Amino acid sequence: MRVGLERRVAARAAAVRARIAAAMAAERVAARVEGESVLLSAPGLHARWWRDLALREAGRGRSGQ
């Protein structure tokens, strides 16, 4: 039972990371998933992240759709 739960938690975390990367790609920001991290690269990224609610919500599992 515990192994199944661990797999589901890992799959859910991977899906969240994938949603973050997809949201960033839609905004033309280079994003790649490495292990448990999503690495981003773009000029002005920090300011963009805080201005755009949709990008922050993607990381919280609320896509707004």
N, C-alpha and C. Protein backbone atom coordinates (compact mmCIF):
# COMPACT_ATOMS: atom_id res chain seq x y z
N MET A 1 0.82 -1.19 0.00
CA MET A 1 0.00 0.00 0.00
C MET A 1 0.87 1.26 0.00
N ARG A 2 1.90 1.27 0.83
CA ARG A 2 2.78 2.44 0.92
C ARG A 2 3.49 2.70 -0.41
N VAL A 3 3.91 1.63 -1.07
CA VAL A 3 4.60 1.78 -2.35
C VAL A 3 3.66 2.42 -3.38
N GLY A 4 2.42 2.00 -3.39
CA GLY A 4 1.44 2.57 -4.31
C GLY A 4 1.23 4.06 -4.04
N LEU A 5 1.16 4.42 -2.76
CA LEU A 5 0.99 5.82 -2.40
C LEU A 5 2.21 6.64 -2.83
N GLU A 6 3.39 6.10 -2.60
CA GLU A 6 4.62 6.80 -3.01
C GLU A 6 4.64 7.02 -4.52
N ARG A 7 4.20 6.03 -5.27
CA ARG A 7 4.16 6.17 -6.74
C ARG A 7 3.17 7.26 -7.16
N ARG A 8 2.00 7.29 -6.52
CA ARG A 8 1.00 8.31 -6.86
C ARG A 8 1.50 9.71 -6.51
N VAL A 9 2.15 9.84 -5.36
CA VAL A 9 2.70 11.15 -4.96
C VAL A 9 3.78 11.58 -5.95
N ALA A 10 4.64 10.67 -6.33
CA ALA A 10 5.70 10.99 -7.29
C ALA A 10 5.12 11.37 -8.64
N ALA A 11 4.09 10.66 -9.07
CA ALA A 11 3.45 10.97 -10.36
C ALA A 11 2.79 12.34 -10.31
N ARG A 12 2.15 12.65 -9.20
CA ARG A 12 1.49 13.95 -9.07
C ARG A 12 2.52 15.08 -9.08
N ALA A 13 3.63 14.89 -8.38
CA ALA A 13 4.69 15.90 -8.36
C ALA A 13 5.27 16.09 -9.76
N ALA A 14 5.46 15.01 -10.48
CA ALA A 14 5.98 15.10 -11.85
C ALA A 14 5.01 15.85 -12.75
N ALA A 15 3.71 15.63 -12.55
CA ALA A 15 2.71 16.33 -13.35
C ALA A 15 2.72 17.83 -13.06
N VAL A 16 2.92 18.20 -11.80
CA VAL A 16 3.01 19.62 -11.44
C VAL A 16 4.22 20.25 -12.12
N ARG A 17 5.36 19.57 -12.06
CA ARG A 17 6.56 20.10 -12.71
C ARG A 17 6.34 20.24 -14.22
N ALA A 18 5.65 19.28 -14.83
CA ALA A 18 5.37 19.36 -16.26
C ALA A 18 4.45 20.54 -16.58
N ARG A 19 3.44 20.79 -15.73
CA ARG A 19 2.55 21.94 -15.94
C ARG A 19 3.31 23.26 -15.83
N ILE A 20 4.22 23.34 -14.88
CA ILE A 20 5.03 24.55 -14.74
C ILE A 20 5.86 24.77 -16.00
N ALA A 21 6.53 23.72 -16.46
CA ALA A 21 7.36 23.84 -17.67
C ALA A 21 6.52 24.21 -18.88
N ALA A 22 5.33 23.64 -19.00
CA ALA A 22 4.45 23.96 -20.13
C ALA A 22 3.97 25.41 -20.07
N ALA A 23 3.61 25.87 -18.88
CA ALA A 23 3.17 27.26 -18.73
C ALA A 23 4.28 28.23 -19.10
N MET A 24 5.48 27.90 -18.71
CA MET A 24 6.61 28.77 -19.03
C MET A 24 6.92 28.73 -20.53
N ALA A 25 6.85 27.56 -21.13
CA ALA A 25 7.09 27.44 -22.58
C ALA A 25 6.07 28.26 -23.36
N ALA A 26 4.83 28.30 -22.88
CA ALA A 26 3.79 29.09 -23.53
C ALA A 26 4.12 30.59 -23.48
N GLU A 27 4.91 30.98 -22.50
CA GLU A 27 5.32 32.37 -22.36
C GLU A 27 6.71 32.62 -22.99
N ARG A 28 7.17 31.65 -23.76
CA ARG A 28 8.47 31.74 -24.43
C ARG A 28 9.65 31.86 -23.46
N VAL A 29 9.57 31.09 -22.38
CA VAL A 29 10.65 31.01 -21.40
C VAL A 29 11.21 29.60 -21.48
N ALA A 30 12.52 29.50 -21.62
CA ALA A 30 13.16 28.19 -21.66
C ALA A 30 12.98 27.51 -20.30
N ALA A 31 12.44 26.29 -20.30
CA ALA A 31 12.21 25.55 -19.06
C ALA A 31 12.59 24.10 -19.27
N ARG A 32 13.24 23.54 -18.25
CA ARG A 32 13.53 22.10 -18.31
C ARG A 32 13.41 21.52 -16.91
N VAL A 33 12.95 20.29 -16.86
CA VAL A 33 12.79 19.59 -15.59
C VAL A 33 14.04 18.77 -15.37
N GLU A 34 14.64 18.97 -14.20
CA GLU A 34 15.81 18.18 -13.80
C GLU A 34 15.54 17.65 -12.40
N GLY A 35 15.24 16.36 -12.33
CA GLY A 35 14.93 15.76 -11.03
C GLY A 35 13.68 16.39 -10.44
N GLU A 36 13.82 16.99 -9.26
CA GLU A 36 12.68 17.61 -8.60
C GLU A 36 12.59 19.11 -8.87
N SER A 37 13.39 19.62 -9.77
CA SER A 37 13.42 21.06 -10.04
C SER A 37 12.99 21.37 -11.48
N VAL A 38 12.43 22.55 -11.64
CA VAL A 38 12.15 23.09 -12.97
C VAL A 38 13.09 24.27 -13.13
N LEU A 39 14.00 24.17 -14.07
CA LEU A 39 14.99 25.23 -14.29
C LEU A 39 14.50 26.14 -15.41
N LEU A 40 14.52 27.44 -15.15
CA LEU A 40 13.99 28.43 -16.08
C LEU A 40 15.09 29.41 -16.46
N SER A 41 14.96 29.94 -17.69
CA SER A 41 15.94 30.90 -18.15
C SER A 41 15.29 31.87 -19.13
N ALA A 42 15.35 33.16 -18.78
CA ALA A 42 14.84 34.22 -19.67
C ALA A 42 15.13 35.57 -19.04
N PRO A 43 15.34 36.58 -19.86
CA PRO A 43 15.54 37.92 -19.30
C PRO A 43 14.28 38.40 -18.56
N GLY A 44 14.46 39.01 -17.42
CA GLY A 44 13.33 39.55 -16.66
C GLY A 44 12.40 38.50 -16.09
N LEU A 45 12.88 37.28 -15.94
CA LEU A 45 12.02 36.18 -15.52
C LEU A 45 11.40 36.41 -14.14
N HIS A 46 12.18 36.86 -13.19
CA HIS A 46 11.68 37.05 -11.83
C HIS A 46 10.51 38.03 -11.82
N ALA A 47 10.65 39.16 -12.49
CA ALA A 47 9.57 40.14 -12.54
C ALA A 47 8.35 39.58 -13.26
N ARG A 48 8.57 38.84 -14.32
CA ARG A 48 7.46 38.25 -15.08
C ARG A 48 6.69 37.26 -14.21
N TRP A 49 7.41 36.45 -13.45
CA TRP A 49 6.78 35.45 -12.60
C TRP A 49 5.83 36.11 -11.62
N TRP A 50 6.24 37.17 -10.99
CA TRP A 50 5.41 37.82 -9.97
C TRP A 50 4.28 38.64 -10.57
N ARG A 51 4.41 39.08 -11.80
CA ARG A 51 3.33 39.83 -12.46
C ARG A 51 2.23 38.92 -12.96
N ASP A 52 2.56 37.71 -13.36
CA ASP A 52 1.62 36.85 -14.06
C ASP A 52 1.06 35.76 -13.14
N LEU A 53 -0.17 35.97 -12.71
CA LEU A 53 -0.82 35.04 -11.80
C LEU A 53 -0.92 33.63 -12.41
N ALA A 54 -1.15 33.52 -13.70
CA ALA A 54 -1.29 32.20 -14.33
C ALA A 54 -0.03 31.36 -14.17
N LEU A 55 1.13 31.98 -14.23
CA LEU A 55 2.37 31.23 -14.07
C LEU A 55 2.52 30.73 -12.64
N ARG A 56 2.17 31.57 -11.68
CA ARG A 56 2.27 31.15 -10.28
C ARG A 56 1.26 30.04 -9.98
N GLU A 57 0.05 30.16 -10.51
CA GLU A 57 -0.98 29.16 -10.25
C GLU A 57 -0.63 27.82 -10.88
N ALA A 58 0.08 27.80 -11.98
CA ALA A 58 0.49 26.54 -12.61
C ALA A 58 1.32 25.72 -11.62
N GLY A 59 2.13 26.38 -10.84
CA GLY A 59 2.94 25.70 -9.84
C GLY A 59 2.15 25.21 -8.65
N ARG A 60 0.95 25.71 -8.48
CA ARG A 60 0.11 25.32 -7.36
C ARG A 60 -0.96 24.32 -7.78
N GLY A 61 -0.92 23.90 -9.03
CA GLY A 61 -1.88 22.91 -9.51
C GLY A 61 -3.23 23.50 -9.85
N ARG A 62 -3.29 24.82 -10.03
CA ARG A 62 -4.55 25.49 -10.40
C ARG A 62 -4.32 26.21 -11.72
N SER A 63 -4.69 25.57 -12.78
CA SER A 63 -4.42 26.12 -14.11
C SER A 63 -5.40 27.21 -14.51
N GLY A 64 -6.49 27.37 -13.79
CA GLY A 64 -7.45 28.40 -14.12
C GLY A 64 -8.35 28.04 -15.29
N GLN A 65 -8.34 26.79 -15.70
CA GLN A 65 -9.15 26.36 -16.84
C GLN A 65 -10.38 25.62 -16.37
